[in-house]
PDB file of N, CA and C in Angstrom:
ATOM      1  N   MET A   1     -26.088  -0.486 -13.256  1.00  0.00           N
ATOM      2  CA  MET A   1     -24.653  -0.636 -13.372  1.00  0.00           C
ATOM      3  C   MET A   1     -23.914   0.382 -12.504  1.00  0.00           C
ATOM      4  N   ALA A   2     -24.509   1.517 -12.199  1.00  0.00           N
ATOM      5  CA  ALA A   2     -23.830   2.549 -11.426  1.00  0.00           C
ATOM      6  C   ALA A   2     -23.538   2.101  -9.995  1.00  0.00           C
ATOM      7  N   TYR A   3     -24.474   1.395  -9.368  1.00  0.00           N
ATOM      8  CA  TYR A   3     -24.266   0.991  -7.978  1.00  0.00           C
ATOM      9  C   TYR A   3     -23.082   0.043  -7.811  1.00  0.00           C
ATOM     10  N   PRO A   4     -22.908  -0.964  -8.660  1.00  0.00           N
ATOM     11  CA  PRO A   4     -21.734  -1.824  -8.514  1.00  0.00           C
ATOM     12  C   PRO A   4     -20.425  -1.041  -8.626  1.00  0.00           C
ATOM     13  N   TYR A   5     -20.385  -0.060  -9.524  1.00  0.00           N
ATOM     14  CA  TYR A   5     -19.184   0.770  -9.673  1.00  0.00           C
ATOM     15  C   TYR A   5     -18.906   1.549  -8.390  1.00  0.00           C
ATOM     16  N   VAL A   6     -19.934   2.177  -7.857  1.00  0.00           N
ATOM     17  CA  VAL A   6     -19.786   2.948  -6.620  1.00  0.00           C
ATOM     18  C   VAL A   6     -19.336   2.042  -5.482  1.00  0.00           C
ATOM     19  N   LEU A   7     -19.903   0.875  -5.402  1.00  0.00           N
ATOM     20  CA  LEU A   7     -19.539  -0.095  -4.372  1.00  0.00           C
ATOM     21  C   LEU A   7     -18.066  -0.494  -4.489  1.00  0.00           C
ATOM     22  N   ALA A   8     -17.616  -0.756  -5.713  1.00  0.00           N
ATOM     23  CA  ALA A   8     -16.213  -1.131  -5.936  1.00  0.00           C
ATOM     24  C   ALA A   8     -15.270   0.015  -5.591  1.00  0.00           C
ATOM     25  N   GLN A   9     -15.632   1.232  -5.964  1.00  0.00           N
ATOM     26  CA  GLN A   9     -14.780   2.383  -5.659  1.00  0.00           C
ATOM     27  C   GLN A   9     -14.711   2.632  -4.154  1.00  0.00           C
ATOM     28  N   ASP A  10     -15.811   2.406  -3.465  1.00  0.00           N
ATOM     29  CA  ASP A  10     -15.829   2.534  -2.006  1.00  0.00           C
ATOM     30  C   ASP A  10     -14.903   1.503  -1.367  1.00  0.00           C
ATOM     31  N   ALA A  11     -14.935   0.287  -1.884  1.00  0.00           N
ATOM     32  CA  ALA A  11     -14.064  -0.771  -1.364  1.00  0.00           C
ATOM     33  C   ALA A  11     -12.594  -0.419  -1.578  1.00  0.00           C
ATOM     34  N   MET A  12     -12.261   0.105  -2.749  1.00  0.00           N
ATOM     35  CA  MET A  12     -10.876   0.502  -3.027  1.00  0.00           C
ATOM     36  C   MET A  12     -10.439   1.635  -2.094  1.00  0.00           C
ATOM     37  N   ALA A  13     -11.322   2.586  -1.862  1.00  0.00           N
ATOM     38  CA  ALA A  13     -11.001   3.694  -0.960  1.00  0.00           C
ATOM     39  C   ALA A  13     -10.756   3.184   0.454  1.00  0.00           C
ATOM     40  N   LYS A  14     -11.534   2.213   0.880  1.00  0.00           N
ATOM     41  CA  LYS A  14     -11.356   1.648   2.219  1.00  0.00           C
ATOM     42  C   LYS A  14     -10.054   0.861   2.318  1.00  0.00           C
ATOM     43  N   LEU A  15      -9.675   0.143   1.261  1.00  0.00           N
ATOM     44  CA  LEU A  15      -8.390  -0.562   1.263  1.00  0.00           C
ATOM     45  C   LEU A  15      -7.231   0.429   1.326  1.00  0.00           C
ATOM     46  N   ARG A  16      -7.316   1.507   0.553  1.00  0.00           N
ATOM     47  CA  ARG A  16      -6.274   2.540   0.595  1.00  0.00           C
ATOM     48  C   ARG A  16      -6.161   3.121   2.008  1.00  0.00           C
ATOM     49  N   GLU A  17      -7.304   3.426   2.598  1.00  0.00           N
ATOM     50  CA  GLU A  17      -7.309   3.998   3.942  1.00  0.00           C
ATOM     51  C   GLU A  17      -6.703   3.032   4.955  1.00  0.00           C
ATOM     52  N   ALA A  18      -7.052   1.759   4.864  1.00  0.00           N
ATOM     53  CA  ALA A  18      -6.520   0.759   5.794  1.00  0.00           C
ATOM     54  C   ALA A  18      -5.004   0.655   5.670  1.00  0.00           C
ATOM     55  N   ILE A  19      -4.500   0.650   4.443  1.00  0.00           N
ATOM     56  CA  ILE A  19      -3.052   0.588   4.237  1.00  0.00           C
ATOM     57  C   ILE A  19      -2.385   1.845   4.771  1.00  0.00           C
ATOM     58  N   TYR A  20      -2.974   3.002   4.505  1.00  0.00           N
ATOM     59  CA  TYR A  20      -2.410   4.261   5.000  1.00  0.00           C
ATOM     60  C   TYR A  20      -2.331   4.254   6.527  1.00  0.00           C
ATOM     61  N   LEU A  21      -3.410   3.859   7.179  1.00  0.00           N
ATOM     62  CA  LEU A  21      -3.431   3.832   8.644  1.00  0.00           C
ATOM     63  C   LEU A  21      -2.404   2.854   9.194  1.00  0.00           C
ATOM     64  N   LEU A  22      -2.265   1.696   8.565  1.00  0.00           N
ATOM     65  CA  LEU A  22      -1.286   0.701   8.996  1.00  0.00           C
ATOM     66  C   LEU A  22       0.133   1.244   8.855  1.00  0.00           C
ATOM     67  N   LEU A  23       0.449   1.854   7.719  1.00  0.00           N
ATOM     68  CA  LEU A  23       1.786   2.415   7.513  1.00  0.00           C
ATOM     69  C   LEU A  23       2.047   3.602   8.430  1.00  0.00           C
ATOM     70  N   ASN A  24       1.007   4.350   8.733  1.00  0.00           N
ATOM     71  CA  ASN A  24       1.157   5.498   9.628  1.00  0.00           C
ATOM     72  C   ASN A  24       1.547   5.062  11.036  1.00  0.00           C
ATOM     73  N   GLU A  25       1.115   3.867  11.435  1.00  0.00           N
ATOM     74  CA  GLU A  25       1.431   3.334  12.763  1.00  0.00           C
ATOM     75  C   GLU A  25       2.738   2.540  12.774  1.00  0.00           C
ATOM     76  N   ALA A  26       3.278   2.227  11.602  1.00  0.00           N
ATOM     77  CA  ALA A  26       4.493   1.408  11.501  1.00  0.00           C
ATOM     78  C   ALA A  26       5.732   2.237  11.830  1.00  0.00           C
ATOM     79  N   SER A  27       6.847   1.546  12.013  1.00  0.00           N
ATOM     80  CA  SER A  27       8.114   2.235  12.254  1.00  0.00           C
ATOM     81  C   SER A  27       8.518   3.009  11.001  1.00  0.00           C
ATOM     82  N   ALA A  28       9.497   3.885  11.133  1.00  0.00           N
ATOM     83  CA  ALA A  28       9.955   4.713  10.018  1.00  0.00           C
ATOM     84  C   ALA A  28      10.482   3.883   8.857  1.00  0.00           C
ATOM     85  N   SER A  29      10.941   2.665   9.142  1.00  0.00           N
ATOM     86  CA  SER A  29      11.471   1.821   8.064  1.00  0.00           C
ATOM     87  C   SER A  29      10.361   1.239   7.200  1.00  0.00           C
ATOM     88  N   GLY A  30       9.126   1.237   7.685  1.00  0.00           N
ATOM     89  CA  GLY A  30       7.991   0.775   6.901  1.00  0.00           C
ATOM     90  C   GLY A  30       7.704  -0.706   7.053  1.00  0.00           C
ATOM     91  N   LEU A  31       6.889  -1.222   6.151  1.00  0.00           N
ATOM     92  CA  LEU A  31       6.460  -2.619   6.169  1.00  0.00           C
ATOM     93  C   LEU A  31       6.557  -3.210   4.767  1.00  0.00           C
ATOM     94  N   LYS A  32       6.833  -4.499   4.692  1.00  0.00           N
ATOM     95  CA  LYS A  32       6.849  -5.191   3.406  1.00  0.00           C
ATOM     96  C   LYS A  32       5.424  -5.524   2.981  1.00  0.00           C
ATOM     97  N   ASN A  33       5.244  -5.759   1.692  1.00  0.00           N
ATOM     98  CA  ASN A  33       3.936  -6.101   1.149  1.00  0.00           C
ATOM     99  C   ASN A  33       3.293  -7.256   1.904  1.00  0.00           C
ATOM    100  N   ALA A  34       4.063  -8.301   2.175  1.00  0.00           N
ATOM    101  CA  ALA A  34       3.514  -9.468   2.881  1.00  0.00           C
ATOM    102  C   ALA A  34       3.024  -9.088   4.272  1.00  0.00           C
ATOM    103  N   GLN A  35       3.759  -8.224   4.967  1.00  0.00           N
ATOM    104  CA  GLN A  35       3.342  -7.783   6.299  1.00  0.00           C
ATOM    105  C   GLN A  35       2.039  -6.996   6.215  1.00  0.00           C
ATOM    106  N   ILE A  36       1.950  -6.124   5.232  1.00  0.00           N
ATOM    107  CA  ILE A  36       0.746  -5.315   5.050  1.00  0.00           C
ATOM    108  C   ILE A  36      -0.446  -6.216   4.724  1.00  0.00           C
ATOM    109  N   GLY A  37      -0.273  -7.076   3.743  1.00  0.00           N
ATOM    110  CA  GLY A  37      -1.359  -7.957   3.318  1.00  0.00           C
ATOM    111  C   GLY A  37      -1.847  -8.872   4.420  1.00  0.00           C
ATOM    112  N   ARG A  38      -0.905  -9.465   5.145  1.00  0.00           N
ATOM    113  CA  ARG A  38      -1.297 -10.376   6.233  1.00  0.00           C
ATOM    114  C   ARG A  38      -1.958  -9.619   7.379  1.00  0.00           C
ATOM    115  N   SER A  39      -1.454  -8.430   7.690  1.00  0.00           N
ATOM    116  CA  SER A  39      -2.046  -7.630   8.776  1.00  0.00           C
ATOM    117  C   SER A  39      -3.493  -7.259   8.476  1.00  0.00           C
ATOM    118  N   LEU A  40      -3.794  -7.075   7.203  1.00  0.00           N
ATOM    119  CA  LEU A  40      -5.142  -6.666   6.803  1.00  0.00           C
ATOM    120  C   LEU A  40      -6.014  -7.831   6.340  1.00  0.00           C
ATOM    121  N   GLY A  41      -5.449  -9.031   6.339  1.00  0.00           N
ATOM    122  CA  GLY A  41      -6.215 -10.203   5.931  1.00  0.00           C
ATOM    123  C   GLY A  41      -6.494 -10.272   4.442  1.00  0.00           C
ATOM    124  N   ILE A  42      -5.635  -9.650   3.629  1.00  0.00           N
ATOM    125  CA  ILE A  42      -5.855  -9.636   2.177  1.00  0.00           C
ATOM    126  C   ILE A  42      -4.679 -10.238   1.416  1.00  0.00           C
ATOM    127  N   TYR A  43      -3.823 -10.989   2.088  1.00  0.00           N
ATOM    128  CA  TYR A  43      -2.634 -11.528   1.429  1.00  0.00           C
ATOM    129  C   TYR A  43      -2.910 -12.808   0.663  1.00  0.00           C
ATOM    130  N   SER A  44      -3.938 -13.526   0.998  1.00  0.00           N
ATOM    131  CA  SER A  44      -4.213 -14.800   0.325  1.00  0.00           C
ATOM    132  C   SER A  44      -4.667 -14.556  -1.108  1.00  0.00           C
ATOM    133  N   GLY A  45      -4.658 -15.612  -1.869  1.00  0.00           N
ATOM    134  CA  GLY A  45      -5.095 -15.506  -3.252  1.00  0.00           C
ATOM    135  C   GLY A  45      -4.898 -16.824  -3.961  1.00  0.00           C
ATOM    136  N   HIS A  46      -5.103 -16.814  -5.243  1.00  0.00           N
ATOM    137  CA  HIS A  46      -4.904 -18.001  -6.070  1.00  0.00           C
ATOM    138  C   HIS A  46      -3.449 -18.448  -5.948  1.00  0.00           C
ATOM    139  N   VAL A  47      -3.203 -19.742  -5.981  1.00  0.00           N
ATOM    140  CA  VAL A  47      -1.857 -20.294  -5.829  1.00  0.00           C
ATOM    141  C   VAL A  47      -0.889 -19.587  -6.779  1.00  0.00           C
ATOM    142  N   GLY A  48       0.191 -19.092  -6.215  1.00  0.00           N
ATOM    143  CA  GLY A  48       1.189 -18.376  -6.999  1.00  0.00           C
ATOM    144  C   GLY A  48       0.903 -16.897  -7.158  1.00  0.00           C
ATOM    145  N   HIS A  49      -0.229 -16.453  -6.656  1.00  0.00           N
ATOM    146  CA  HIS A  49      -0.608 -15.049  -6.796  1.00  0.00           C
ATOM    147  C   HIS A  49      -0.897 -14.389  -5.452  1.00  0.00           C
ATOM    148  N   GLU A  50      -0.398 -14.978  -4.382  1.00  0.00           N
ATOM    149  CA  GLU A  50      -0.606 -14.399  -3.063  1.00  0.00           C
ATOM    150  C   GLU A  50       0.025 -13.002  -3.028  1.00  0.00           C
ATOM    151  N   GLY A  51      -0.629 -12.101  -2.348  1.00  0.00           N
ATOM    152  CA  GLY A  51      -0.088 -10.758  -2.175  1.00  0.00           C
ATOM    153  C   GLY A  51      -0.413  -9.785  -3.287  1.00  0.00           C
ATOM    154  N   HIS A  52      -1.123 -10.226  -4.307  1.00  0.00           N
ATOM    155  CA  HIS A  52      -1.416  -9.333  -5.426  1.00  0.00           C
ATOM    156  C   HIS A  52      -2.407  -8.235  -5.067  1.00  0.00           C
ATOM    157  N   ILE A  53      -3.317  -8.500  -4.152  1.00  0.00           N
ATOM    158  CA  ILE A  53      -4.292  -7.467  -3.784  1.00  0.00           C
ATOM    159  C   ILE A  53      -3.582  -6.301  -3.110  1.00  0.00           C
ATOM    160  N   SER A  54      -2.814  -6.581  -2.067  1.00  0.00           N
ATOM    161  CA  SER A  54      -2.121  -5.498  -1.366  1.00  0.00           C
ATOM    162  C   SER A  54      -1.101  -4.825  -2.273  1.00  0.00           C
ATOM    163  N   ARG A  55      -0.405  -5.589  -3.103  1.00  0.00           N
ATOM    164  CA  ARG A  55       0.616  -5.008  -3.986  1.00  0.00           C
ATOM    165  C   ARG A  55      -0.019  -4.097  -5.024  1.00  0.00           C
ATOM    166  N   THR A  56      -1.172  -4.466  -5.538  1.00  0.00           N
ATOM    167  CA  THR A  56      -1.872  -3.630  -6.511  1.00  0.00           C
ATOM    168  C   THR A  56      -2.317  -2.318  -5.882  1.00  0.00           C
ATOM    169  N   VAL A  57      -2.872  -2.377  -4.682  1.00  0.00           N
ATOM    170  CA  VAL A  57      -3.308  -1.150  -4.006  1.00  0.00           C
ATOM    171  C   VAL A  57      -2.098  -0.276  -3.681  1.00  0.00           C
ATOM    172  N   LEU A  58      -0.994  -0.881  -3.253  1.00  0.00           N
ATOM    173  CA  LEU A  58       0.228  -0.116  -2.989  1.00  0.00           C
ATOM    174  C   LEU A  58       0.723   0.579  -4.257  1.00  0.00           C
ATOM    175  N   ALA A  59       0.662  -0.099  -5.397  1.00  0.00           N
ATOM    176  CA  ALA A  59       1.085   0.505  -6.665  1.00  0.00           C
ATOM    177  C   ALA A  59       0.204   1.700  -7.028  1.00  0.00           C
ATOM    178  N   LEU A  60      -1.093   1.583  -6.792  1.00  0.00           N
ATOM    179  CA  LEU A  60      -1.996   2.709  -7.040  1.00  0.00           C
ATOM    180  C   LEU A  60      -1.652   3.885  -6.133  1.00  0.00           C
ATOM    181  N   MET A  61      -1.398   3.596  -4.860  1.00  0.00           N
ATOM    182  CA  MET A  61      -1.051   4.644  -3.902  1.00  0.00           C
ATOM    183  C   MET A  61       0.305   5.262  -4.236  1.00  0.00           C
ATOM    184  N   GLU A  62       1.221   4.453  -4.753  1.00  0.00           N
ATOM    185  CA  GLU A  62       2.531   4.968  -5.169  1.00  0.00           C
ATOM    186  C   GLU A  62       2.363   5.932  -6.347  1.00  0.00           C
ATOM    187  N   ALA A  63       1.541   5.565  -7.311  1.00  0.00           N
ATOM    188  CA  ALA A  63       1.284   6.422  -8.471  1.00  0.00           C
ATOM    189  C   ALA A  63       0.630   7.738  -8.066  1.00  0.00           C
ATOM    190  N   GLU A  64      -0.126   7.713  -6.979  1.00  0.00           N
ATOM    191  CA  GLU A  64      -0.780   8.919  -6.461  1.00  0.00           C
ATOM    192  C   GLU A  64       0.160   9.758  -5.606  1.00  0.00           C
ATOM    193  N   GLY A  65       1.373   9.246  -5.340  1.00  0.00           N
ATOM    194  CA  GLY A  65       2.344   9.976  -4.531  1.00  0.00           C
ATOM    195  C   GLY A  65       2.124   9.857  -3.037  1.00  0.00           C
ATOM    196  N   VAL A  66       1.378   8.851  -2.609  1.00  0.00           N
ATOM    197  CA  VAL A  66       1.051   8.693  -1.191  1.00  0.00           C
ATOM    198  C   VAL A  66       2.079   7.834  -0.461  1.00  0.00           C
ATOM    199  N   VAL A  67       2.536   6.766  -1.109  1.00  0.00           N
ATOM    200  CA  VAL A  67       3.505   5.859  -0.497  1.00  0.00           C
ATOM    201  C   VAL A  67       4.696   5.677  -1.424  1.00  0.00           C
ATOM    202  N   GLU A  68       5.762   5.114  -0.862  1.00  0.00           N
ATOM    203  CA  GLU A  68       6.939   4.779  -1.652  1.00  0.00           C
ATOM    204  C   GLU A  68       7.554   3.507  -1.104  1.00  0.00           C
ATOM    205  N   GLN A  69       8.319   2.832  -1.956  1.00  0.00           N
ATOM    206  CA  GLN A  69       8.980   1.600  -1.552  1.00  0.00           C
ATOM    207  C   GLN A  69      10.486   1.816  -1.567  1.00  0.00           C
ATOM    208  N   ASN A  70      11.141   1.380  -0.494  1.00  0.00           N
ATOM    209  CA  ASN A  70      12.593   1.405  -0.430  1.00  0.00           C
ATOM    210  C   ASN A  70      13.104   0.282  -1.321  1.00  0.00           C
ATOM    211  N   ALA A  71      13.903   0.620  -2.313  1.00  0.00           N
ATOM    212  CA  ALA A  71      14.376  -0.368  -3.290  1.00  0.00           C
ATOM    213  C   ALA A  71      15.249  -1.442  -2.652  1.00  0.00           C
ATOM    214  N   GLU A  72      15.957  -1.100  -1.595  1.00  0.00           N
ATOM    215  CA  GLU A  72      16.850  -2.064  -0.947  1.00  0.00           C
ATOM    216  C   GLU A  72      16.109  -3.009  -0.009  1.00  0.00           C
ATOM    217  N   THR A  73      15.271  -2.453   0.848  1.00  0.00           N
ATOM    218  CA  THR A  73      14.593  -3.267   1.863  1.00  0.00           C
ATOM    219  C   THR A  73      13.252  -3.807   1.396  1.00  0.00           C
ATOM    220  N   LYS A  74      12.706  -3.236   0.329  1.00  0.00           N
ATOM    221  CA  LYS A  74      11.377  -3.580  -0.197  1.00  0.00           C
ATOM    222  C   LYS A  74      10.253  -3.180   0.756  1.00  0.00           C
ATOM    223  N   CYS A  75      10.566  -2.335   1.740  1.00  0.00           N
ATOM    224  CA  CYS A  75       9.552  -1.869   2.686  1.00  0.00           C
ATOM    225  C   CYS A  75       8.824  -0.658   2.116  1.00  0.00           C
ATOM    226  N   TRP A  76       7.547  -0.593   2.407  1.00  0.00           N
ATOM    227  CA  TRP A  76       6.692   0.518   1.999  1.00  0.00           C
ATOM    228  C   TRP A  76       6.506   1.465   3.172  1.00  0.00           C
ATOM    229  N   ARG A  77       6.407   2.742   2.879  1.00  0.00           N
ATOM    230  CA  ARG A  77       6.155   3.759   3.906  1.00  0.00           C
ATOM    231  C   ARG A  77       5.405   4.922   3.275  1.00  0.00           C
ATOM    232  N   ILE A  78       4.841   5.753   4.121  1.00  0.00           N
ATOM    233  CA  ILE A  78       4.139   6.942   3.649  1.00  0.00           C
ATOM    234  C   ILE A  78       5.182   7.929   3.147  1.00  0.00           C
ATOM    235  N   ARG A  79       4.919   8.483   1.988  1.00  0.00           N
ATOM    236  CA  ARG A  79       5.839   9.445   1.390  1.00  0.00           C
ATOM    237  C   ARG A  79       5.704  10.786   2.094  1.00  0.00           C
ATOM    238  N   ASP A  80       6.839  11.438   2.306  1.00  0.00           N
ATOM    239  CA  ASP A  80       6.849  12.769   2.910  1.00  0.00           C
ATOM    240  C   ASP A  80       6.585  13.781   1.800  1.00  0.00           C
ATOM    241  N   ASN A  81       5.354  14.216   1.684  1.00  0.00           N
ATOM    242  CA  ASN A  81       4.988  15.119   0.596  1.00  0.00           C
ATOM    243  C   ASN A  81       5.435  16.556   0.821  1.00  0.00           C
ATOM    244  N   LYS A  82       5.941  16.869   2.008  1.00  0.00           N
ATOM    245  CA  LYS A  82       6.471  18.210   2.257  1.00  0.00           C
ATOM    246  C   LYS A  82       7.781  18.415   1.512  1.00  0.00           C
ATOM    247  N   THR A  83       8.604  17.361   1.478  1.00  0.00           N
ATOM    248  CA  THR A  83       9.903  17.466   0.820  1.00  0.00           C
ATOM    249  C   THR A  83       9.921  16.782  -0.534  1.00  0.00           C
ATOM    250  N   GLY A  84       8.898  15.992  -0.818  1.00  0.00           N
ATOM    251  CA  GLY A  84       8.846  15.285  -2.085  1.00  0.00           C
ATOM    252  C   GLY A  84       9.498  13.926  -2.052  1.00  0.00           C
ATOM    253  N   ASP A  85      10.055  13.558  -0.910  1.00  0.00           N
ATOM    254  CA  ASP A  85      10.624  12.222  -0.789  1.00  0.00           C
ATOM    255  C   ASP A  85      10.440  11.726   0.627  1.00  0.00           C
ATOM    256  N   GLY A  86      10.736  10.487   0.823  1.00  0.00           N
ATOM    257  CA  GLY A  86      10.523   9.873   2.125  1.00  0.00           C
ATOM    258  C   GLY A  86      11.820   9.565   2.813  1.00  0.00           C
ATOM    259  N   PRO A  87      11.740   8.951   3.972  1.00  0.00           N
ATOM    260  CA  PRO A  87      12.935   8.590   4.717  1.00  0.00           C
ATOM    261  C   PRO A  87      13.868   7.738   3.876  1.00  0.00           C
ATOM    262  N   GLY A  88      15.092   8.143   3.772  1.00  0.00           N
ATOM    263  CA  GLY A  88      16.070   7.378   3.010  1.00  0.00           C
ATOM    264  C   GLY A  88      16.085   7.702   1.527  1.00  0.00           C
ATOM    265  N   ASN A  89      15.046   8.347   1.023  1.00  0.00           N
ATOM    266  CA  ASN A  89      14.963   8.751  -0.377  1.00  0.00           C
ATOM    267  C   ASN A  89      15.338   7.631  -1.339  1.00  0.00           C
ATOM    268  N   ASN A  90      14.851   6.421  -1.088  1.00  0.00           N
ATOM    269  CA  ASN A  90      15.158   5.270  -1.947  1.00  0.00           C
ATOM    270  C   ASN A  90      13.900   4.764  -2.621  1.00  0.00           C
ATOM    271  N   GLN A  91      13.396   5.479  -3.582  1.00  0.00           N
ATOM    272  CA  GLN A  91      12.204   5.018  -4.286  1.00  0.00           C
ATOM    273  C   GLN A  91      12.572   3.960  -5.304  1.00  0.00           C
ATOM    274  N   GLN A  92      11.644   3.063  -5.539  1.00  0.00           N
ATOM    275  CA  GLN A  92      11.841   2.035  -6.566  1.00  0.00           C
ATOM    276  C   GLN A  92      11.331   2.551  -7.874  1.00  0.00           C
TER     277      GLN A  92
END
């Protein structure tokens, strides 16, 4: 049972890293969930549930203080941990 857990945690770490790298290369305004998911090939899903994979990983990263979402534009960006907030300071 330990190996499947390690494998799953490795996959989650790689998804986090991919999202971080994508946002790091994006403009200061960030990217929407759909843009992130489609860019990484993880936006598809069960009918009516598209985008849940990328959105779930973004929520985990948000809870860790790594990313934030602009409440107005719905764009995600890397959080500026030096000041405690990101560009525009509009967290959701």
